[in-house]
């Protein structure tokens, strides 16, 4: 996953050192700056994005169905 500009893979030690060098700027504890935690963060972030997209798709579908019912004239009526 991590490669140099020339395309050669970086060693795990080099990746960890590069990530930890960013710890201060990111205001993250150095022990949380390793490839495993970065992978977990990526997975969690992707799961949250996917959940948001699913929620938006469902809202859009509901809005389309409501609009279709309004156009056709299928309004909900109170029982007699």
PDB file of N, CA and C in Angstrom:
ATOM      1  N   UNK A   1       0.821  -1.180   0.000  1.00  0.00           N
ATOM      2  CA  UNK A   1       0.000   0.000   0.000  1.00  0.00           C
ATOM      3  C   UNK A   1       0.874   1.257   0.000  1.00  0.00           C
ATOM      4  N   UNK A   2       1.961   1.247   0.724  1.00  0.00           N
ATOM      5  CA  UNK A   2       2.835   2.411   0.791  1.00  0.00           C
ATOM      6  C   UNK A   2       4.048   2.181  -0.099  1.00  0.00           C
ATOM      7  N   UNK A   3       4.248   3.078  -1.046  1.00  0.00           N
ATOM      8  CA  UNK A   3       5.366   2.952  -1.978  1.00  0.00           C
ATOM      9  C   UNK A   3       6.092   4.293  -2.094  1.00  0.00           C
ATOM     10  N   UNK A   4       7.317   4.227  -2.588  1.00  0.00           N
ATOM     11  CA  UNK A   4       8.091   5.436  -2.834  1.00  0.00           C
ATOM     12  C   UNK A   4       7.629   6.065  -4.143  1.00  0.00           C
ATOM     13  N   UNK A   5       8.185   7.205  -4.470  1.00  0.00           N
ATOM     14  CA  UNK A   5       7.834   7.871  -5.727  1.00  0.00           C
ATOM     15  C   UNK A   5       8.166   7.013  -6.937  1.00  0.00           C
ATOM     16  N   UNK A   6       9.217   6.208  -6.793  1.00  0.00           N
ATOM     17  CA  UNK A   6       9.620   5.348  -7.907  1.00  0.00           C
ATOM     18  C   UNK A   6       8.813   4.050  -7.959  1.00  0.00           C
ATOM     19  N   UNK A   7       7.925   3.827  -6.976  1.00  0.00           N
ATOM     20  CA  UNK A   7       7.071   2.655  -6.986  1.00  0.00           C
ATOM     21  C   UNK A   7       7.555   1.490  -6.149  1.00  0.00           C
ATOM     22  N   UNK A   8       8.715   1.644  -5.502  1.00  0.00           N
ATOM     23  CA  UNK A   8       9.212   0.561  -4.654  1.00  0.00           C
ATOM     24  C   UNK A   8       8.470   0.574  -3.318  1.00  0.00           C
ATOM     25  N   UNK A   9       8.144  -0.596  -2.785  1.00  0.00           N
ATOM     26  CA  UNK A   9       7.414  -0.641  -1.512  1.00  0.00           C
ATOM     27  C   UNK A   9       8.279  -0.176  -0.340  1.00  0.00           C
ATOM     28  N   UNK A  10       7.640   0.519   0.614  1.00  0.00           N
ATOM     29  CA  UNK A  10       8.330   0.952   1.827  1.00  0.00           C
ATOM     30  C   UNK A  10       8.264  -0.172   2.860  1.00  0.00           C
ATOM     31  N   UNK A  11       9.283  -0.238   3.696  1.00  0.00           N
ATOM     32  CA  UNK A  11       9.277  -1.235   4.767  1.00  0.00           C
ATOM     33  C   UNK A  11       8.286  -0.802   5.843  1.00  0.00           C
ATOM     34  N   UNK A  12       7.843  -1.755   6.638  1.00  0.00           N
ATOM     35  CA  UNK A  12       6.898  -1.457   7.723  1.00  0.00           C
ATOM     36  C   UNK A  12       7.503  -0.450   8.695  1.00  0.00           C
ATOM     37  N   UNK A  13       8.801  -0.556   8.949  1.00  0.00           N
ATOM     38  CA  UNK A  13       9.478   0.367   9.861  1.00  0.00           C
ATOM     39  C   UNK A  13       9.472   1.784   9.303  1.00  0.00           C
ATOM     40  N   UNK A  14       9.723   1.916   8.015  1.00  0.00           N
ATOM     41  CA  UNK A  14       9.716   3.242   7.380  1.00  0.00           C
ATOM     42  C   UNK A  14       8.319   3.847   7.405  1.00  0.00           C
ATOM     43  N   UNK A  15       7.310   3.032   7.182  1.00  0.00           N
ATOM     44  CA  UNK A  15       5.928   3.522   7.209  1.00  0.00           C
ATOM     45  C   UNK A  15       5.568   3.986   8.616  1.00  0.00           C
ATOM     46  N   UNK A  16       5.909   3.195   9.619  1.00  0.00           N
ATOM     47  CA  UNK A  16       5.617   3.561  11.002  1.00  0.00           C
ATOM     48  C   UNK A  16       6.326   4.855  11.370  1.00  0.00           C
ATOM     49  N   UNK A  17       7.592   4.999  10.975  1.00  0.00           N
ATOM     50  CA  UNK A  17       8.335   6.228  11.276  1.00  0.00           C
ATOM     51  C   UNK A  17       7.701   7.436  10.592  1.00  0.00           C
ATOM     52  N   UNK A  18       7.263   7.269   9.352  1.00  0.00           N
ATOM     53  CA  UNK A  18       6.632   8.376   8.629  1.00  0.00           C
ATOM     54  C   UNK A  18       5.316   8.780   9.281  1.00  0.00           C
ATOM     55  N   UNK A  19       4.544   7.795   9.702  1.00  0.00           N
ATOM     56  CA  UNK A  19       3.263   8.081  10.352  1.00  0.00           C
ATOM     57  C   UNK A  19       3.496   8.765  11.698  1.00  0.00           C
ATOM     58  N   UNK A  20       4.465   8.269  12.471  1.00  0.00           N
ATOM     59  CA  UNK A  20       4.733   8.846  13.775  1.00  0.00           C
ATOM     60  C   UNK A  20       5.303  10.254  13.678  1.00  0.00           C
ATOM     61  N   UNK A  21       5.966  10.571  12.575  1.00  0.00           N
ATOM     62  CA  UNK A  21       6.491  11.927  12.415  1.00  0.00           C
ATOM     63  C   UNK A  21       5.359  12.945  12.263  1.00  0.00           C
ATOM     64  N   UNK A  22       4.189  12.464  11.873  1.00  0.00           N
ATOM     65  CA  UNK A  22       3.023  13.344  11.726  1.00  0.00           C
ATOM     66  C   UNK A  22       2.190  13.440  12.999  1.00  0.00           C
ATOM     67  N   UNK A  23       2.516  12.661  14.017  1.00  0.00           N
ATOM     68  CA  UNK A  23       1.712  12.590  15.229  1.00  0.00           C
ATOM     69  C   UNK A  23       1.551  13.950  15.896  1.00  0.00           C
ATOM     70  N   UNK A  24       2.616  14.709  16.017  1.00  0.00           N
ATOM     71  CA  UNK A  24       2.543  16.008  16.673  1.00  0.00           C
ATOM     72  C   UNK A  24       1.650  16.986  15.937  1.00  0.00           C
ATOM     73  N   UNK A  25       1.807  17.056  14.606  1.00  0.00           N
ATOM     74  CA  UNK A  25       0.981  17.954  13.802  1.00  0.00           C
ATOM     75  C   UNK A  25      -0.486  17.565  13.850  1.00  0.00           C
ATOM     76  N   UNK A  26      -0.752  16.261  13.907  1.00  0.00           N
ATOM     77  CA  UNK A  26      -2.129  15.773  13.914  1.00  0.00           C
ATOM     78  C   UNK A  26      -2.721  15.754  15.324  1.00  0.00           C
ATOM     79  N   UNK A  27      -1.916  16.061  16.311  1.00  0.00           N
ATOM     80  CA  UNK A  27      -2.321  16.043  17.715  1.00  0.00           C
ATOM     81  C   UNK A  27      -2.883  14.677  18.116  1.00  0.00           C
ATOM     82  N   UNK A  28      -2.128  13.646  17.749  1.00  0.00           N
ATOM     83  CA  UNK A  28      -2.490  12.264  18.061  1.00  0.00           C
ATOM     84  C   UNK A  28      -1.357  11.665  18.881  1.00  0.00           C
ATOM     85  N   UNK A  29      -1.726  10.839  19.858  1.00  0.00           N
ATOM     86  CA  UNK A  29      -0.713  10.187  20.691  1.00  0.00           C
ATOM     87  C   UNK A  29       0.189   9.317  19.811  1.00  0.00           C
ATOM     88  N   UNK A  30       1.514   9.392  20.009  1.00  0.00           N
ATOM     89  CA  UNK A  30       2.442   8.623  19.168  1.00  0.00           C
ATOM     90  C   UNK A  30       2.173   7.115  19.155  1.00  0.00           C
ATOM     91  N   UNK A  31       1.675   6.553  20.265  1.00  0.00           N
ATOM     92  CA  UNK A  31       1.399   5.118  20.284  1.00  0.00           C
ATOM     93  C   UNK A  31       0.214   4.739  19.403  1.00  0.00           C
ATOM     94  N   UNK A  32      -0.590   5.723  19.018  1.00  0.00           N
ATOM     95  CA  UNK A  32      -1.714   5.479  18.109  1.00  0.00           C
ATOM     96  C   UNK A  32      -1.324   5.672  16.641  1.00  0.00           C
ATOM     97  N   UNK A  33      -0.074   6.020  16.405  1.00  0.00           N
ATOM     98  CA  UNK A  33       0.389   6.283  15.038  1.00  0.00           C
ATOM     99  C   UNK A  33       1.193   5.097  14.526  1.00  0.00           C
ATOM    100  N   UNK A  34       0.475   4.119  14.008  1.00  0.00           N
ATOM    101  CA  UNK A  34       1.107   2.955  13.401  1.00  0.00           C
ATOM    102  C   UNK A  34       0.199   2.461  12.288  1.00  0.00           C
ATOM    103  N   UNK A  35       0.709   1.608  11.410  1.00  0.00           N
ATOM    104  CA  UNK A  35      -0.102   1.144  10.281  1.00  0.00           C
ATOM    105  C   UNK A  35      -1.397   0.447  10.687  1.00  0.00           C
ATOM    106  N   UNK A  36      -1.371  -0.290  11.782  1.00  0.00           N
ATOM    107  CA  UNK A  36      -2.574  -0.993  12.224  1.00  0.00           C
ATOM    108  C   UNK A  36      -3.680  -0.007  12.606  1.00  0.00           C
ATOM    109  N   UNK A  37      -3.334   1.030  13.358  1.00  0.00           N
ATOM    110  CA  UNK A  37      -4.321   2.035  13.744  1.00  0.00           C
ATOM    111  C   UNK A  37      -4.794   2.842  12.532  1.00  0.00           C
ATOM    112  N   UNK A  38      -3.890   3.101  11.612  1.00  0.00           N
ATOM    113  CA  UNK A  38      -4.268   3.821  10.392  1.00  0.00           C
ATOM    114  C   UNK A  38      -5.263   2.992   9.578  1.00  0.00           C
ATOM    115  N   UNK A  39      -5.028   1.705   9.509  1.00  0.00           N
ATOM    116  CA  UNK A  39      -5.951   0.814   8.792  1.00  0.00           C
ATOM    117  C   UNK A  39      -7.312   0.796   9.470  1.00  0.00           C
ATOM    118  N   UNK A  40      -7.328   0.708  10.806  1.00  0.00           N
ATOM    119  CA  UNK A  40      -8.582   0.702  11.558  1.00  0.00           C
ATOM    120  C   UNK A  40      -9.333   2.021  11.352  1.00  0.00           C
ATOM    121  N   UNK A  41      -8.617   3.134  11.356  1.00  0.00           N
ATOM    122  CA  UNK A  41      -9.230   4.440  11.117  1.00  0.00           C
ATOM    123  C   UNK A  41      -9.849   4.493   9.730  1.00  0.00           C
ATOM    124  N   UNK A  42      -9.142   3.976   8.751  1.00  0.00           N
ATOM    125  CA  UNK A  42      -9.642   3.954   7.377  1.00  0.00           C
ATOM    126  C   UNK A  42     -10.907   3.105   7.284  1.00  0.00           C
ATOM    127  N   UNK A  43     -10.906   1.931   7.897  1.00  0.00           N
ATOM    128  CA  UNK A  43     -12.075   1.052   7.860  1.00  0.00           C
ATOM    129  C   UNK A  43     -13.278   1.706   8.540  1.00  0.00           C
ATOM    130  N   UNK A  44     -13.053   2.329   9.687  1.00  0.00           N
ATOM    131  CA  UNK A  44     -14.133   2.993  10.411  1.00  0.00           C
ATOM    132  C   UNK A  44     -14.696   4.152   9.609  1.00  0.00           C
ATOM    133  N   UNK A  45     -13.816   4.945   9.013  1.00  0.00           N
ATOM    134  CA  UNK A  45     -14.251   6.082   8.213  1.00  0.00           C
ATOM    135  C   UNK A  45     -15.055   5.628   6.999  1.00  0.00           C
ATOM    136  N   UNK A  46     -14.585   4.594   6.309  1.00  0.00           N
ATOM    137  CA  UNK A  46     -15.318   4.060   5.157  1.00  0.00           C
ATOM    138  C   UNK A  46     -16.692   3.522   5.563  1.00  0.00           C
ATOM    139  N   UNK A  47     -16.761   2.849   6.706  1.00  0.00           N
ATOM    140  CA  UNK A  47     -18.043   2.320   7.179  1.00  0.00           C
ATOM    141  C   UNK A  47     -19.013   3.460   7.477  1.00  0.00           C
ATOM    142  N   UNK A  48     -18.515   4.545   8.074  1.00  0.00           N
ATOM    143  CA  UNK A  48     -19.366   5.694   8.362  1.00  0.00           C
ATOM    144  C   UNK A  48     -19.855   6.352   7.074  1.00  0.00           C
ATOM    145  N   UNK A  49     -18.973   6.472   6.097  1.00  0.00           N
ATOM    146  CA  UNK A  49     -19.362   7.067   4.808  1.00  0.00           C
ATOM    147  C   UNK A  49     -20.412   6.200   4.130  1.00  0.00           C
ATOM    148  N   UNK A  50     -20.212   4.880   4.128  1.00  0.00           N
ATOM    149  CA  UNK A  50     -21.178   3.969   3.506  1.00  0.00           C
ATOM    150  C   UNK A  50     -22.540   4.059   4.199  1.00  0.00           C
ATOM    151  N   UNK A  51     -22.538   4.157   5.528  1.00  0.00           N
ATOM    152  CA  UNK A  51     -23.800   4.285   6.268  1.00  0.00           C
ATOM    153  C   UNK A  51     -24.504   5.588   5.903  1.00  0.00           C
ATOM    154  N   UNK A  52     -23.740   6.670   5.771  1.00  0.00           N
ATOM    155  CA  UNK A  52     -24.319   7.963   5.380  1.00  0.00           C
ATOM    156  C   UNK A  52     -24.911   7.891   3.976  1.00  0.00           C
ATOM    157  N   UNK A  53     -24.215   7.241   3.065  1.00  0.00           N
ATOM    158  CA  UNK A  53     -24.706   7.117   1.690  1.00  0.00           C
ATOM    159  C   UNK A  53     -25.986   6.287   1.668  1.00  0.00           C
ATOM    160  N   UNK A  54     -26.003   5.180   2.418  1.00  0.00           N
ATOM    161  CA  UNK A  54     -27.218   4.362   2.484  1.00  0.00           C
ATOM    162  C   UNK A  54     -28.398   5.172   3.015  1.00  0.00           C
ATOM    163  N   UNK A  55     -28.156   5.970   4.048  1.00  0.00           N
ATOM    164  CA  UNK A  55     -29.207   6.800   4.632  1.00  0.00           C
ATOM    165  C   UNK A  55     -29.704   7.828   3.613  1.00  0.00           C
ATOM    166  N   UNK A  56     -28.792   8.438   2.874  1.00  0.00           N
ATOM    167  CA  UNK A  56     -29.182   9.420   1.861  1.00  0.00           C
ATOM    168  C   UNK A  56     -29.966   8.769   0.723  1.00  0.00           C
ATOM    169  N   UNK A  57     -29.566   7.577   0.314  1.00  0.00           N
ATOM    170  CA  UNK A  57     -30.287   6.862  -0.739  1.00  0.00           C
ATOM    171  C   UNK A  57     -31.705   6.552  -0.268  1.00  0.00           C
ATOM    172  N   UNK A  58     -31.840   6.103   0.958  1.00  0.00           N
ATOM    173  CA  UNK A  58     -33.164   5.787   1.492  1.00  0.00           C
ATOM    174  C   UNK A  58     -34.038   7.039   1.574  1.00  0.00           C
ATOM    175  N   UNK A  59     -33.469   8.159   2.020  1.00  0.00           N
ATOM    176  CA  UNK A  59     -34.220   9.406   2.086  1.00  0.00           C
ATOM    177  C   UNK A  59     -34.658   9.854   0.696  1.00  0.00           C
ATOM    178  N   UNK A  60     -33.775   9.733  -0.266  1.00  0.00           N
ATOM    179  CA  UNK A  60     -34.101  10.128  -1.641  1.00  0.00           C
ATOM    180  C   UNK A  60     -35.198   9.243  -2.210  1.00  0.00           C
ATOM    181  N   UNK A  61     -35.108   7.942  -1.957  1.00  0.00           N
ATOM    182  CA  UNK A  61     -36.143   7.014  -2.423  1.00  0.00           C
ATOM    183  C   UNK A  61     -37.492   7.371  -1.819  1.00  0.00           C
ATOM    184  N   UNK A  62     -37.520   7.646  -0.518  1.00  0.00           N
ATOM    185  CA  UNK A  62     -38.769   8.023   0.141  1.00  0.00           C
ATOM    186  C   UNK A  62     -39.340   9.319  -0.437  1.00  0.00           C
ATOM    187  N   UNK A  63     -38.466  10.289  -0.699  1.00  0.00           N
ATOM    188  CA  UNK A  63     -38.921  11.550  -1.287  1.00  0.00           C
ATOM    189  C   UNK A  63     -39.486  11.331  -2.681  1.00  0.00           C
ATOM    190  N   UNK A  64     -38.856  10.482  -3.475  1.00  0.00           N
ATOM    191  CA  UNK A  64     -39.356  10.190  -4.820  1.00  0.00           C
ATOM    192  C   UNK A  64     -40.718   9.504  -4.771  1.00  0.00           C
ATOM    193  N   UNK A  65     -40.869   8.563  -3.839  1.00  0.00           N
ATOM    194  CA  UNK A  65     -42.153   7.880  -3.713  1.00  0.00           C
ATOM    195  C   UNK A  65     -43.248   8.847  -3.276  1.00  0.00           C
ATOM    196  N   UNK A  66     -42.947   9.726  -2.330  1.00  0.00           N
ATOM    197  CA  UNK A  66     -43.920  10.720  -1.881  1.00  0.00           C
ATOM    198  C   UNK A  66     -44.302  11.658  -3.026  1.00  0.00           C
ATOM    199  N   UNK A  67     -43.325  12.080  -3.787  1.00  0.00           N
ATOM    200  CA  UNK A  67     -43.594  12.973  -4.922  1.00  0.00           C
ATOM    201  C   UNK A  67     -44.444  12.256  -5.970  1.00  0.00           C
ATOM    202  N   UNK A  68     -44.163  10.991  -6.222  1.00  0.00           N
ATOM    203  CA  UNK A  68     -44.946  10.218  -7.184  1.00  0.00           C
ATOM    204  C   UNK A  68     -46.393  10.095  -6.712  1.00  0.00           C
ATOM    205  N   UNK A  69     -46.570   9.811  -5.430  1.00  0.00           N
ATOM    206  CA  UNK A  69     -47.925   9.686  -4.891  1.00  0.00           C
ATOM    207  C   UNK A  69     -48.664  11.017  -4.974  1.00  0.00           C
ATOM    208  N   UNK A  70     -47.979  12.108  -4.745  1.00  0.00           N
ATOM    209  CA  UNK A  70     -48.596  13.421  -4.815  1.00  0.00           C
ATOM    210  C   UNK A  70     -49.025  13.724  -6.249  1.00  0.00           C
ATOM    211  N   UNK A  71     -48.161  13.401  -7.223  1.00  0.00           N
ATOM    212  CA  UNK A  71     -48.476  13.673  -8.625  1.00  0.00           C
ATOM    213  C   UNK A  71     -49.640  12.824  -9.129  1.00  0.00           C
ATOM    214  N   UNK A  72     -49.714  11.575  -8.683  1.00  0.00           N
ATOM    215  CA  UNK A  72     -50.764  10.676  -9.123  1.00  0.00           C
ATOM    216  C   UNK A  72     -52.078  10.988  -8.396  1.00  0.00           C
ATOM    217  N   UNK A  73     -51.969  11.602  -7.247  1.00  0.00           N
ATOM    218  CA  UNK A  73     -53.160  11.949  -6.482  1.00  0.00           C
ATOM    219  C   UNK A  73     -53.521  10.933  -5.426  1.00  0.00           C
ATOM    220  N   UNK A  74     -52.588  10.114  -5.045  1.00  0.00           N
ATOM    221  CA  UNK A  74     -52.836   9.117  -4.012  1.00  0.00           C
ATOM    222  C   UNK A  74     -52.514   9.712  -2.653  1.00  0.00           C
ATOM    223  N   UNK A  75     -53.328  10.597  -2.222  1.00  0.00           N
ATOM    224  CA  UNK A  75     -53.122  11.234  -0.929  1.00  0.00           C
ATOM    225  C   UNK A  75     -53.652  10.306   0.165  1.00  0.00           C
ATOM    226  N   UNK A  76     -53.031  10.339   1.302  1.00  0.00           N
ATOM    227  CA  UNK A  76     -53.530   9.570   2.433  1.00  0.00           C
ATOM    228  C   UNK A  76     -54.806  10.240   2.929  1.00  0.00           C
ATOM    229  N   UNK A  77     -55.843   9.434   3.121  1.00  0.00           N
ATOM    230  CA  UNK A  77     -57.125   9.976   3.573  1.00  0.00           C
ATOM    231  C   UNK A  77     -57.436   9.437   4.956  1.00  0.00           C
ATOM    232  N   UNK A  78     -58.101  10.262   5.728  1.00  0.00           N
ATOM    233  CA  UNK A  78     -58.525   9.834   7.054  1.00  0.00           C
ATOM    234  C   UNK A  78     -59.688   8.850   6.898  1.00  0.00           C
ATOM    235  N   UNK A  79     -59.755   7.811   7.716  1.00  0.00           N
ATOM    236  CA  UNK A  79     -60.877   6.869   7.633  1.00  0.00           C
ATOM    237  C   UNK A  79     -62.191   7.568   8.016  1.00  0.00           C
ATOM    238  N   UNK A  80     -63.319   7.112   7.446  1.00  0.00           N
ATOM    239  CA  UNK A  80     -64.611   7.763   7.719  1.00  0.00           C
ATOM    240  C   UNK A  80     -65.076   7.622   9.135  1.00  0.00           C
TER     241      UNK A  80
END
